[in-house]
């Protein structure tokens, strides 16, 4: 490809709304252009990156028995109604009607469609197990698109679905997909962390996310450097240090003037925060919930919502709590009736606690679980924090941020039961197929690569995904320079090396700047000065120094350099 005919152009400055490094550089390098909020067109260079990533994905999916298919992006509402998600998913699911008035949706994911395929095609245990996948456009009406390709509304996703006889079969296959994801990321130039995650709207029995550790990430991760435990904060488990329990004595109301928070109350009464009871008021759907937790811990709203089996919860405002007869700063379950009470599993074994007395400027001392209050639900609703003990080994957890590249879910029989995707086992018994699903955003992976591989001058593409491997340029327009560059361009193409020849009539400075911005692995520069020395200048993008190579050895030298680059991303 010649730069003079390449569609798209580089920009000296990125648009003001581009905040993340990847967003700025991908716009400046002419990889993509914004059409609307969260919707982008890919220009030739950007689409070549996408196709290279897709090729890696296909190889890894095929290696674990995947079969590529293609499913429609427009779905009839009926199958989403069968699964129940028509009613559960909010406005992020794009709904519309056709000219006949029939309800349709734009596919944000394809569990319903693939399960419909399975129930039509599978009827015998002999047809199981199998895995199918696709690379296809999705639409999710994100309320706050951001970061270029990091959070968009329209995106290309690799989604895969496996079907098994039983849960044990899924459990055995699941690690193969996780290993394939690690391979895809490493071959693309990313080291990712596999973390436990929330199943969310997908449902099922377990889930993981594959995260690029980055300060630009939206997710908070808790990682143990000693035993390797890693989880999204939404589901991270901490080792709860035992409190110093106080034997339950007489329940007494004491004055605590102006003491509305745990540190103040604990200091005033001479106890530790772990010997207090924190009670927060949440709204969950149409319910009011009192969430109780030991005073030294914090409530994790995602864990609370999961325990309550609701989509989400929100903290009630102070005025809202007062309107319901509660006294903010002094709320506790002691003596209250008519409220749903949820307790963290740290509470029942905490001994006597200081708790709100449900009246201004007063707290109870000696409040004991089981005698003075009980909860209808008890479970882990505690939020993990930096330096909290790891539940596996006790080491202090480290907190960091990450960008989600992909996710995997053990769906189990959630969709197969709802859509009646069943098979007959060897004994003739009808059973639901057991499913797993596995998603990976292609555009997000590309953006993560740029977040990881760049410097102050531009992108530094791993050779495995680079739009072109060589940026060929000239310094000067002398005939001998142009002819030598054209000969080298032809020879590189003959050797199957992807090359972009910058044949534009612009200054050498513009070419050098664009070479660094575009970030191809190797730059080859033909100049009058070097030719007189019988050489061409070759420079690896990630190096600071260039080197001269004899003209008749340039292609061999570039091939060797590219092979060395590729070796860094080999996983087998």
Protein backbone atom coordinates (compact mmCIF):
# COMPACT_ATOMS: atom_id res chain seq x y z
CA UNK A 1 0.00 0.00 0.00
CA UNK A 2 1.19 3.51 -0.85
CA UNK A 3 0.46 6.39 1.52
CA UNK A 4 -0.56 8.57 -1.41
CA UNK A 5 -3.58 6.33 -2.03
CA UNK A 6 -4.34 5.33 1.57
CA UNK A 7 -7.79 6.45 2.71
CA UNK A 8 -7.60 8.44 5.92
CA UNK A 9 -5.05 10.83 7.33
CA UNK A 10 -3.11 11.40 10.50
CA UNK A 11 -3.93 14.27 12.83
CA UNK A 12 -1.50 16.45 14.70
CA UNK A 13 -3.97 16.85 17.59
CA UNK A 14 -6.79 14.63 18.81
CA UNK A 15 -10.33 15.98 19.34
CA UNK A 16 -10.83 17.50 22.77
CA UNK A 17 -13.28 14.81 23.93
CA UNK A 18 -10.62 12.08 23.61
CA UNK A 19 -9.46 11.43 27.19
CA UNK A 20 -7.74 8.04 27.17
CA UNK A 21 -4.38 7.51 25.48
CA UNK A 22 -5.79 4.82 23.19
CA UNK A 23 -8.66 7.06 22.10
CA UNK A 24 -6.34 9.96 21.27
CA UNK A 25 -3.77 7.88 19.42
CA UNK A 26 -6.28 5.82 17.43
CA UNK A 27 -7.94 9.01 16.21
CA UNK A 28 -4.64 10.74 15.47
CA UNK A 29 -3.29 7.70 13.61
CA UNK A 30 -6.36 7.59 11.37
CA UNK A 31 -7.53 4.19 12.59
CA UNK A 32 -11.12 5.22 13.25
CA UNK A 33 -13.52 8.14 13.17
CA UNK A 34 -16.52 8.97 15.36
CA UNK A 35 -19.97 8.84 13.75
CA UNK A 36 -22.03 9.34 16.92
CA UNK A 37 -21.58 8.83 20.66
CA UNK A 38 -20.13 5.35 21.11
CA UNK A 39 -20.33 4.55 17.38
CA UNK A 40 -17.19 4.51 15.21
CA UNK A 41 -16.17 3.82 11.63
CA UNK A 42 -12.96 1.87 11.14
CA UNK A 43 -10.62 3.24 8.49
CA UNK A 44 -8.32 0.89 6.52
CA UNK A 45 -5.48 0.87 9.05
CA UNK A 46 -7.84 0.29 11.97
CA UNK A 47 -9.74 -2.44 10.14
CA UNK A 48 -6.48 -4.26 9.36
CA UNK A 49 -5.75 -4.32 13.11
CA UNK A 50 -9.24 -5.70 13.75
CA UNK A 51 -8.80 -8.40 11.10
CA UNK A 52 -5.43 -9.41 12.53
CA UNK A 53 -6.93 -9.76 16.01
CA UNK A 54 -9.83 -11.75 14.57
CA UNK A 55 -7.39 -14.12 12.87
CA UNK A 56 -5.72 -14.83 16.23
CA UNK A 57 -9.13 -15.36 17.84
CA UNK A 58 -10.20 -17.80 15.13
CA UNK A 59 -7.01 -19.83 15.49
CA UNK A 60 -7.41 -20.14 19.25
CA UNK A 61 -11.14 -20.90 19.12
CA UNK A 62 -10.61 -23.52 16.40
CA UNK A 63 -7.81 -25.07 18.46
CA UNK A 64 -10.28 -25.94 21.25
CA UNK A 65 -12.91 -27.34 18.91
CA UNK A 66 -14.84 -24.19 18.11
CA UNK A 67 -16.97 -24.04 14.97
CA UNK A 68 -17.61 -20.60 13.47
CA UNK A 69 -21.20 -19.62 12.69
CA UNK A 70 -23.07 -16.37 12.10
CA UNK A 71 -26.30 -15.36 13.80
CA UNK A 72 -28.64 -12.44 13.05
CA UNK A 73 -28.22 -9.09 14.75
CA UNK A 74 -32.02 -8.55 14.74
CA UNK A 75 -33.93 -10.86 17.07
CA UNK A 76 -37.66 -11.44 17.54
CA UNK A 77 -38.80 -10.32 20.98
CA UNK A 78 -40.39 -13.70 21.67
CA UNK A 79 -37.13 -15.50 22.44
CA UNK A 80 -36.05 -12.74 24.83
CA UNK A 81 -39.46 -13.02 26.45
CA UNK A 82 -39.02 -16.78 26.78
CA UNK A 83 -35.73 -16.32 28.62
CA UNK A 84 -37.21 -13.54 30.76
CA UNK A 85 -34.56 -10.99 29.83
CA UNK A 86 -37.07 -8.93 27.82
CA UNK A 87 -38.45 -7.92 31.22
CA UNK A 88 -35.18 -7.89 33.17
CA UNK A 89 -32.85 -5.89 30.91
CA UNK A 90 -33.31 -2.13 30.94
CA UNK A 91 -32.96 0.51 28.20
CA UNK A 92 -29.54 -0.76 27.14
CA UNK A 93 -31.45 -3.36 25.10
CA UNK A 94 -32.52 -1.58 21.90
CA UNK A 95 -36.16 -2.46 21.15
CA UNK A 96 -38.14 -1.53 18.04
CA UNK A 97 -41.07 -2.66 15.90
CA UNK A 98 -41.13 -3.75 12.29
CA UNK A 99 -43.73 -2.51 9.82
CA UNK A 100 -46.07 -5.27 10.94
CA UNK A 101 -45.96 -4.08 14.55
CA UNK A 102 -43.89 -7.05 15.75
CA UNK A 103 -41.44 -6.39 18.58
CA UNK A 104 -37.77 -6.85 17.70
CA UNK A 105 -34.45 -6.18 19.41
CA UNK A 106 -30.91 -5.41 18.27
CA UNK A 107 -28.69 -8.16 19.61
CA UNK A 108 -26.50 -7.07 22.50
CA UNK A 109 -25.63 -10.72 23.09
CA UNK A 110 -26.83 -14.01 21.59
CA UNK A 111 -27.68 -16.51 24.35
CA UNK A 112 -31.32 -16.67 23.28
CA UNK A 113 -30.55 -17.08 19.59
CA UNK A 114 -27.93 -19.78 20.05
CA UNK A 115 -30.16 -21.66 22.49
CA UNK A 116 -32.95 -21.52 19.93
CA UNK A 117 -30.54 -23.05 17.40
CA UNK A 118 -29.60 -25.79 19.86
CA UNK A 119 -33.20 -26.74 20.62
CA UNK A 120 -33.85 -27.10 16.90
CA UNK A 121 -30.69 -29.06 16.08
CA UNK A 122 -29.90 -31.15 19.18
CA UNK A 123 -32.04 -34.03 20.40
CA UNK A 124 -29.53 -36.75 21.34
CA UNK A 125 -26.65 -37.10 23.78
CA UNK A 126 -24.58 -38.20 20.79
CA UNK A 127 -24.56 -34.61 19.50
CA UNK A 128 -22.93 -33.28 22.65
CA UNK A 129 -20.62 -31.65 23.56
CA UNK A 130 -19.80 -28.90 21.03
CA UNK A 131 -18.85 -25.23 20.89
CA UNK A 132 -19.84 -22.60 18.33
CA UNK A 133 -18.62 -19.03 18.02
CA UNK A 134 -19.08 -15.96 15.89
CA UNK A 135 -17.44 -12.59 15.23
CA UNK A 136 -20.27 -10.16 14.82
CA UNK A 137 -21.53 -6.63 15.44
CA UNK A 138 -23.50 -6.02 18.64
CA UNK A 139 -25.43 -3.00 19.88
CA UNK A 140 -25.79 -2.05 23.53
CA UNK A 141 -27.26 1.36 24.30
CA UNK A 142 -24.68 2.38 26.88
CA UNK A 143 -25.79 5.46 28.84
CA UNK A 144 -22.27 6.87 29.05
CA UNK A 145 -19.98 5.81 26.19
CA UNK A 146 -16.38 6.74 26.95
CA UNK A 147 -12.77 6.12 26.09
CA UNK A 148 -13.14 5.54 22.36
CA UNK A 149 -13.41 1.78 21.87
CA UNK A 150 -13.24 1.02 25.61
CA UNK A 151 -16.97 1.63 26.17
CA UNK A 152 -19.08 1.92 23.04
CA UNK A 153 -22.64 1.28 21.89
CA UNK A 154 -21.88 -0.59 18.67
CA UNK A 155 -19.00 -3.05 18.75
CA UNK A 156 -17.56 -6.21 17.25
CA UNK A 157 -17.56 -9.14 19.63
CA UNK A 158 -16.38 -12.70 19.54
CA UNK A 159 -19.06 -14.60 21.39
CA UNK A 160 -18.83 -18.35 21.87
CA UNK A 161 -21.23 -20.88 23.38
CA UNK A 162 -20.52 -24.41 24.54
CA UNK A 163 -23.11 -27.16 25.10
CA UNK A 164 -22.57 -30.14 27.41
CA UNK A 165 -24.30 -33.19 28.85
CA UNK A 166 -23.84 -32.10 32.46
CA UNK A 167 -22.19 -29.57 34.73
CA UNK A 168 -19.06 -31.72 35.06
CA UNK A 169 -18.56 -31.52 31.31
CA UNK A 170 -18.81 -27.73 31.40
CA UNK A 171 -16.44 -27.55 34.36
CA UNK A 172 -13.88 -29.64 32.47
CA UNK A 173 -14.14 -27.57 29.27
CA UNK A 174 -14.25 -24.12 30.88
CA UNK A 175 -10.49 -23.97 31.66
CA UNK A 176 -9.71 -24.67 27.99
CA UNK A 177 -11.58 -21.53 26.98
CA UNK A 178 -9.86 -19.54 29.73
CA UNK A 179 -6.47 -20.74 28.45
CA UNK A 180 -7.47 -19.80 24.90
CA UNK A 181 -8.33 -16.30 26.14
CA UNK A 182 -4.95 -15.96 27.83
CA UNK A 183 -3.33 -17.10 24.56
CA UNK A 184 -5.32 -14.61 22.47
CA UNK A 185 -4.29 -11.75 24.73
CA UNK A 186 -0.63 -12.75 24.94
CA UNK A 187 -0.38 -13.23 21.18
CA UNK A 188 -1.89 -9.76 20.81
CA UNK A 189 0.67 -8.26 23.17
CA UNK A 190 -1.30 -8.18 26.43
CA UNK A 191 -0.70 -9.85 29.77
CA UNK A 192 -4.10 -10.03 31.41
CA UNK A 193 -5.29 -11.08 34.84
CA UNK A 194 -8.14 -13.58 35.14
CA UNK A 195 -10.41 -12.44 37.96
CA UNK A 196 -13.58 -13.83 39.51
CA UNK A 197 -16.56 -11.67 38.57
CA UNK A 198 -20.28 -11.18 38.98
CA UNK A 199 -22.57 -13.19 36.70
CA UNK A 200 -24.75 -10.10 36.20
CA UNK A 201 -27.62 -10.26 33.73
CA UNK A 202 -26.08 -13.37 32.13
CA UNK A 203 -26.84 -15.53 35.16
CA UNK A 204 -25.33 -18.91 35.85
CA UNK A 205 -23.10 -20.44 38.47
CA UNK A 206 -19.80 -18.62 37.98
CA UNK A 207 -17.97 -16.07 35.86
CA UNK A 208 -14.53 -14.62 35.21
CA UNK A 209 -13.21 -11.47 33.55
CA UNK A 210 -9.89 -11.03 31.78
CA UNK A 211 -8.46 -7.70 32.81
CA UNK A 212 -5.65 -5.49 31.60
CA UNK A 213 -4.30 -3.81 34.72
CA UNK A 214 -4.49 -0.11 33.91
CA UNK A 215 -5.23 3.13 35.72
CA UNK A 216 -7.57 3.92 32.81
CA UNK A 217 -9.81 1.02 33.82
CA UNK A 218 -13.33 1.37 35.17
CA UNK A 219 -13.19 -1.78 37.30
CA UNK A 220 -11.58 -2.13 40.71
CA UNK A 221 -9.65 -5.36 41.27
CA UNK A 222 -8.43 -7.05 44.43
CA UNK A 223 -5.35 -9.21 43.88
CA UNK A 224 -3.27 -11.33 46.23
CA UNK A 225 0.39 -11.35 45.16
CA UNK A 226 1.11 -14.35 47.40
CA UNK A 227 -1.46 -16.98 46.38
CA UNK A 228 -2.75 -15.48 43.12
CA UNK A 229 -6.33 -14.86 44.22
CA UNK A 230 -7.90 -12.19 42.00
CA UNK A 231 -11.43 -10.86 41.80
CA UNK A 232 -13.45 -7.90 40.69
CA UNK A 233 -14.35 -5.84 43.76
CA UNK A 234 -18.02 -6.58 43.04
CA UNK A 235 -17.49 -10.16 44.21
CA UNK A 236 -14.11 -10.11 45.97
CA UNK A 237 -14.02 -12.09 49.22
CA UNK A 238 -11.94 -10.94 52.15
CA UNK A 239 -10.75 -12.81 55.18
CA UNK A 240 -12.71 -11.17 57.95
CA UNK A 241 -10.44 -10.72 60.95
CA UNK A 242 -12.26 -11.99 64.05
CA UNK A 243 -13.56 -9.20 66.23
CA UNK A 244 -12.84 -9.09 69.95
CA UNK A 245 -16.27 -10.30 71.00
CA UNK A 246 -17.84 -8.93 74.14
CA UNK A 247 -20.16 -11.23 76.02
CA UNK A 248 -23.76 -10.23 75.54
CA UNK A 249 -24.93 -8.40 78.64
CA UNK A 250 -27.89 -6.22 79.39
CA UNK A 251 -29.23 -4.18 76.49
CA UNK A 252 -28.95 -0.56 77.57
CA UNK A 253 -29.68 2.71 75.81
CA UNK A 254 -26.98 5.32 76.40
CA UNK A 255 -26.69 8.94 75.33
CA UNK A 256 -24.27 9.60 72.46
CA UNK A 257 -24.83 13.28 71.70
CA UNK A 258 -23.97 14.15 68.08
CA UNK A 259 -22.31 10.79 67.44
CA UNK A 260 -23.64 9.72 64.05
CA UNK A 261 -20.73 7.74 62.60
CA UNK A 262 -18.88 4.60 63.62
CA UNK A 263 -15.49 6.18 64.49
CA UNK A 264 -17.14 8.81 66.65
CA UNK A 265 -19.41 6.36 68.49
CA UNK A 266 -16.57 3.85 69.03
CA UNK A 267 -14.25 6.51 70.46
CA UNK A 268 -17.00 8.00 72.64
CA UNK A 269 -17.92 4.62 74.16
CA UNK A 270 -14.38 3.21 74.32
CA UNK A 271 -14.91 0.26 71.96
CA UNK A 272 -13.35 -0.77 68.66
CA UNK A 273 -15.26 -0.29 65.37
CA UNK A 274 -15.48 -4.10 65.11
CA UNK A 275 -17.59 -4.05 68.29
CA UNK A 276 -20.21 -1.83 66.69
CA UNK A 277 -23.07 -2.54 64.31
CA UNK A 278 -23.43 -0.44 61.17
CA UNK A 279 -26.94 -0.38 59.68
CA UNK A 280 -27.54 1.18 56.27
CA UNK A 281 -30.90 1.77 54.64
CA UNK A 282 -31.22 0.57 51.03
CA UNK A 283 -33.99 0.56 48.49
CA UNK A 284 -34.18 -2.70 46.52
CA UNK A 285 -36.92 -2.57 43.91
CA UNK A 286 -40.06 -1.72 45.87
CA UNK A 287 -38.59 -2.92 49.19
CA UNK A 288 -36.86 -1.06 51.99
CA UNK A 289 -33.94 -3.08 53.34
CA UNK A 290 -31.82 -2.60 56.45
CA UNK A 291 -28.32 -3.93 55.75
CA UNK A 292 -26.36 -4.71 58.92
CA UNK A 293 -22.61 -5.21 59.03
CA UNK A 294 -19.83 -5.06 61.58
CA UNK A 295 -18.70 -1.46 62.03
CA UNK A 296 -15.18 -2.00 60.72
CA UNK A 297 -16.48 -3.28 57.37
CA UNK A 298 -18.27 -1.70 54.39
CA UNK A 299 -21.32 -2.94 52.48
CA UNK A 300 -20.78 -4.12 48.90
CA UNK A 301 -23.93 -3.12 47.00
CA UNK A 302 -23.45 -5.75 44.27
CA UNK A 303 -23.16 -8.53 46.83
CA UNK A 304 -26.22 -7.15 48.61
CA UNK A 305 -28.22 -7.09 45.37
CA UNK A 306 -27.16 -10.66 44.56
CA UNK A 307 -28.12 -11.89 48.03
CA UNK A 308 -31.52 -10.20 47.65
CA UNK A 309 -31.82 -11.51 44.06
CA UNK A 310 -32.56 -8.07 42.64
CA UNK A 311 -30.92 -6.25 39.72
CA UNK A 312 -29.61 -3.40 41.84
CA UNK A 313 -29.92 -1.53 45.11
CA UNK A 314 -29.45 2.09 46.07
CA UNK A 315 -28.70 3.81 49.32
CA UNK A 316 -31.74 5.67 50.61
CA UNK A 317 -31.33 9.40 51.08
CA UNK A 318 -31.53 10.92 54.55
CA UNK A 319 -34.83 12.67 53.85
CA UNK A 320 -36.20 9.45 52.36
CA UNK A 321 -35.20 7.48 55.47
CA UNK A 322 -36.78 10.03 57.80
CA UNK A 323 -40.02 9.94 55.81
CA UNK A 324 -40.15 6.21 56.55
CA UNK A 325 -39.83 6.71 60.29
CA UNK A 326 -36.08 6.04 60.57
CA UNK A 327 -33.49 8.19 62.31
CA UNK A 328 -30.35 8.53 60.14
CA UNK A 329 -27.16 8.02 62.13
CA UNK A 330 -28.95 6.00 64.78
CA UNK A 331 -30.64 3.23 62.79
CA UNK A 332 -30.42 -0.40 63.89
CA UNK A 333 -32.63 -3.50 63.65
CA UNK A 334 -33.07 -3.60 67.44
CA UNK A 335 -36.74 -3.16 68.24
CA UNK A 336 -37.79 -2.42 64.66
CA UNK A 337 -40.56 -4.34 62.92
CA UNK A 338 -41.92 -4.26 59.40
CA UNK A 339 -38.53 -3.92 57.71
CA UNK A 340 -36.57 -6.51 55.74
CA UNK A 341 -33.27 -7.10 57.53
CA UNK A 342 -30.11 -8.47 55.92
CA UNK A 343 -26.93 -9.15 57.89
CA UNK A 344 -23.36 -9.77 56.85
CA UNK A 345 -22.06 -13.12 58.04
CA UNK A 346 -19.67 -11.24 60.36
CA UNK A 347 -22.59 -10.12 62.55
CA UNK A 348 -23.96 -13.34 64.16
CA UNK A 349 -20.57 -14.24 65.67
CA UNK A 350 -19.53 -10.72 66.69
CA UNK A 351 -20.82 -10.89 70.29
CA UNK A 352 -22.32 -7.86 72.03
CA UNK A 353 -22.39 -4.82 69.80
CA UNK A 354 -23.03 -1.11 70.03
CA UNK A 355 -26.01 -0.38 67.80
CA UNK A 356 -28.21 2.57 67.00
CA UNK A 357 -31.16 3.04 69.36
CA UNK A 358 -33.45 4.39 66.63
CA UNK A 359 -33.73 7.75 68.35
CA UNK A 360 -31.64 10.89 68.14
CA UNK A 361 -28.39 10.99 70.15
CA UNK A 362 -28.78 7.46 71.57
CA UNK A 363 -27.17 4.07 71.00
CA UNK A 364 -27.67 0.64 72.51
CA UNK A 365 -24.83 -1.23 74.17
CA UNK A 366 -24.89 -4.99 74.62
CA UNK A 367 -26.97 -5.69 71.50
CA UNK A 368 -26.71 -9.40 70.69
CA UNK A 369 -27.66 -11.16 67.49
CA UNK A 370 -30.37 -13.76 68.06
CA UNK A 371 -31.59 -12.19 71.28
CA UNK A 372 -32.12 -8.52 70.42
CA UNK A 373 -32.33 -8.73 66.66
CA UNK A 374 -32.25 -11.27 63.83
CA UNK A 375 -31.94 -11.06 60.07
CA UNK A 376 -34.10 -12.73 57.47
CA UNK A 377 -31.05 -13.15 55.25
CA UNK A 378 -27.43 -13.69 56.30
CA UNK A 379 -24.55 -13.78 53.84
CA UNK A 380 -21.34 -12.13 52.68
CA UNK A 381 -22.14 -8.52 51.82
CA UNK A 382 -18.75 -7.03 52.80
CA UNK A 383 -16.69 -4.95 50.38
CA UNK A 384 -13.04 -5.93 50.09
CA UNK A 385 -10.48 -3.14 50.45
CA UNK A 386 -6.78 -2.70 49.98
CA UNK A 387 -4.77 -4.52 52.67
CA UNK A 388 -7.78 -6.56 53.83
CA UNK A 389 -6.66 -10.15 54.46
CA UNK A 390 -6.90 -12.54 51.53
CA UNK A 391 -9.56 -15.15 52.32
CA UNK A 392 -7.28 -17.88 50.91
CA UNK A 393 -3.94 -17.15 52.52
CA UNK A 394 -4.29 -14.14 54.81
CA UNK A 395 -1.87 -11.95 52.85
CA UNK A 396 -2.87 -8.31 52.42
CA UNK A 397 -4.88 -7.73 49.23
CA UNK A 398 -3.67 -5.22 46.67
CA UNK A 399 -6.17 -2.93 44.98
CA UNK A 400 -5.74 -1.83 41.39
CA UNK A 401 -7.81 -0.87 38.37
CA UNK A 402 -8.41 -2.80 35.18
CA UNK A 403 -9.98 -2.73 31.74
CA UNK A 404 -12.12 -5.73 30.91
CA UNK A 405 -11.03 -7.41 27.67
CA UNK A 406 -13.21 -10.52 27.81
CA UNK A 407 -15.47 -12.56 30.07
CA UNK A 408 -16.55 -16.15 30.55
CA UNK A 409 -19.70 -17.52 32.17
CA UNK A 410 -20.89 -20.90 33.38
CA UNK A 411 -24.51 -20.46 32.35
CA UNK A 412 -25.61 -23.92 33.41
CA UNK A 413 -29.24 -24.57 32.43
CA UNK A 414 -30.64 -21.03 32.79
CA UNK A 415 -31.36 -20.59 29.08
CA UNK A 416 -31.82 -24.21 28.07
CA UNK A 417 -34.57 -24.66 30.67
CA UNK A 418 -36.29 -21.43 29.74
CA UNK A 419 -36.21 -22.16 26.00
CA UNK A 420 -36.59 -25.94 26.40
CA UNK A 421 -33.31 -26.92 24.75
CA UNK A 422 -33.20 -30.58 25.80
CA UNK A 423 -31.63 -33.86 24.74
CA UNK A 424 -32.24 -37.55 25.42
CA UNK A 425 -29.51 -39.26 27.41
CA UNK A 426 -28.42 -42.88 26.87
CA UNK A 427 -31.29 -44.08 29.07
CA UNK A 428 -33.86 -42.09 27.13
CA UNK A 429 -34.31 -39.46 29.85
CA UNK A 430 -34.97 -35.89 28.70
CA UNK A 431 -32.45 -33.42 30.18
CA UNK A 432 -31.62 -29.74 29.58
CA UNK A 433 -28.29 -29.07 27.89
CA UNK A 434 -25.70 -27.37 30.09
CA UNK A 435 -24.22 -24.20 28.61
CA UNK A 436 -21.21 -21.94 28.88
CA UNK A 437 -20.73 -18.61 27.10
CA UNK A 438 -17.59 -16.63 26.40
CA UNK A 439 -17.30 -13.06 25.11
CA UNK A 440 -14.37 -10.96 23.92
CA UNK A 441 -14.54 -7.45 22.48
CA UNK A 442 -12.35 -7.09 19.40
CA UNK A 443 -12.31 -3.29 19.35
CA UNK A 444 -11.73 -3.11 23.09
CA UNK A 445 -8.81 -5.52 22.73
CA UNK A 446 -7.34 -3.22 20.05
CA UNK A 447 -7.73 -0.21 22.33
CA UNK A 448 -6.12 -2.10 25.23
CA UNK A 449 -3.15 -2.93 23.03
CA UNK A 450 -2.64 0.78 22.39
CA UNK A 451 -3.08 1.58 26.10
CA UNK A 452 -0.29 -0.90 26.82
CA UNK A 453 2.01 -0.28 23.86
CA UNK A 454 2.74 3.39 23.22
CA UNK A 455 5.17 6.16 24.04
CA UNK A 456 5.08 9.94 23.81
CA UNK A 457 5.45 9.77 20.01
CA UNK A 458 2.68 7.31 19.23
CA UNK A 459 1.63 3.67 19.04
CA UNK A 460 4.07 0.74 19.23
CA UNK A 461 2.20 -2.16 17.61
CA UNK A 462 3.08 -5.76 18.41
CA UNK A 463 3.95 -7.35 15.07
CA UNK A 464 1.13 -9.89 15.47
CA UNK A 465 -1.58 -7.24 15.12
CA UNK A 466 0.16 -4.32 13.37
CA UNK A 467 -1.65 -2.92 10.30
CA UNK A 468 1.61 -3.19 8.36
CA UNK A 469 4.95 -4.56 9.46
CA UNK A 470 7.18 -2.05 7.68
CA UNK A 471 6.93 1.71 7.22
CA UNK A 472 9.05 2.45 4.13
CA UNK A 473 9.97 6.09 3.57
CA UNK A 474 12.35 8.25 1.62
CA UNK A 475 14.38 11.32 2.53
CA UNK A 476 14.72 13.49 -0.55
CA UNK A 477 13.20 13.15 -3.99
CA UNK A 478 16.30 12.34 -6.02
CA UNK A 479 15.70 9.80 -8.75
CA UNK A 480 18.14 7.28 -7.31
CA UNK A 481 16.35 7.47 -3.93
CA UNK A 482 12.88 7.02 -5.42
CA UNK A 483 13.98 4.12 -7.64
CA UNK A 484 15.75 2.36 -4.74
CA UNK A 485 12.66 2.78 -2.51
CA UNK A 486 10.38 1.42 -5.23
CA UNK A 487 12.66 -1.59 -5.72
CA UNK A 488 12.69 -2.26 -1.97
CA UNK A 489 8.89 -1.86 -1.85
CA UNK A 490 8.49 -4.44 -4.61
CA UNK A 491 10.94 -6.85 -2.99
CA UNK A 492 9.26 -6.62 0.44
CA UNK A 493 5.89 -7.35 -1.16
CA UNK A 494 7.37 -10.31 -3.05
CA UNK A 495 8.52 -11.74 0.30
CA UNK A 496 5.00 -11.39 1.71
CA UNK A 497 5.94 -8.63 4.16
CA UNK A 498 3.09 -6.15 4.73
CA UNK A 499 4.54 -2.74 3.91
CA UNK A 500 3.22 0.81 3.71
CA UNK A 501 5.33 2.93 1.34
CA UNK A 502 5.18 6.63 2.22
CA UNK A 503 5.50 8.10 -1.24
CA UNK A 504 3.92 11.44 -0.37
CA UNK A 505 5.49 14.74 -1.38
CA UNK A 506 5.91 15.95 2.19
CA UNK A 507 8.90 16.77 4.36
CA UNK A 508 11.06 14.10 5.97
CA UNK A 509 9.98 15.41 9.37
CA UNK A 510 6.32 14.72 8.61
CA UNK A 511 7.21 11.19 7.50
CA UNK A 512 9.30 10.48 10.58
CA UNK A 513 6.52 11.77 12.84
CA UNK A 514 3.88 9.67 11.07
CA UNK A 515 6.11 6.60 11.22
CA UNK A 516 6.31 6.96 15.00
CA UNK A 517 2.62 7.80 15.38
CA UNK A 518 1.45 4.82 13.31
CA UNK A 519 3.85 2.57 15.19
CA UNK A 520 4.62 -0.22 12.71
CA UNK A 521 7.30 -2.59 14.06
CA UNK A 522 10.03 -1.60 11.56
CA UNK A 523 10.86 1.62 9.74
CA UNK A 524 13.08 1.49 6.63
CA UNK A 525 14.48 4.80 5.39
CA UNK A 526 16.03 5.27 1.95
CA UNK A 527 18.16 8.40 1.57
CA UNK A 528 20.86 9.68 -0.76
CA UNK A 529 23.40 9.69 2.04
CA UNK A 530 22.75 6.06 3.02
CA UNK A 531 22.65 4.85 -0.58
CA UNK A 532 26.09 6.32 -1.18
CA UNK A 533 27.24 4.12 1.70
CA UNK A 534 25.47 1.19 0.00
CA UNK A 535 22.93 0.94 2.82
CA UNK A 536 19.38 1.52 3.98
CA UNK A 537 18.57 2.73 7.49
CA UNK A 538 16.45 0.27 9.51
CA UNK A 539 14.93 1.03 12.90
CA UNK A 540 12.71 -0.96 15.18
CA UNK A 541 9.87 1.18 16.51
CA UNK A 542 10.53 0.19 20.12
CA UNK A 543 14.27 1.04 19.85
CA UNK A 544 15.88 4.46 20.09
CA UNK A 545 18.72 3.82 17.65
CA UNK A 546 18.62 2.98 13.94
CA UNK A 547 21.21 0.88 12.12
CA UNK A 548 22.47 0.67 8.55
CA UNK A 549 21.98 -2.49 6.53
CA UNK A 550 23.61 -3.18 3.13
CA UNK A 551 21.08 -2.70 0.34
CA UNK A 552 21.30 -6.31 -0.80
CA UNK A 553 20.64 -7.57 2.77
CA UNK A 554 17.79 -5.27 3.78
CA UNK A 555 14.93 -7.70 3.19
CA UNK A 556 16.73 -10.53 5.01
CA UNK A 557 17.51 -8.20 7.91
CA UNK A 558 13.90 -7.01 8.14
CA UNK A 559 12.62 -10.60 8.04
CA UNK A 560 14.96 -11.53 10.90
CA UNK A 561 13.90 -8.48 12.91
CA UNK A 562 10.22 -9.26 12.41
CA UNK A 563 10.80 -12.89 13.41
CA UNK A 564 12.46 -11.73 16.62
CA UNK A 565 9.51 -9.43 17.29
CA UNK A 566 7.01 -12.24 16.66
CA UNK A 567 8.87 -14.62 18.98
CA UNK A 568 7.99 -12.39 21.92
CA UNK A 569 4.30 -13.16 21.39
CA UNK A 570 4.51 -16.92 20.88
CA UNK A 571 2.49 -18.96 23.38
CA UNK A 572 3.15 -22.50 22.21
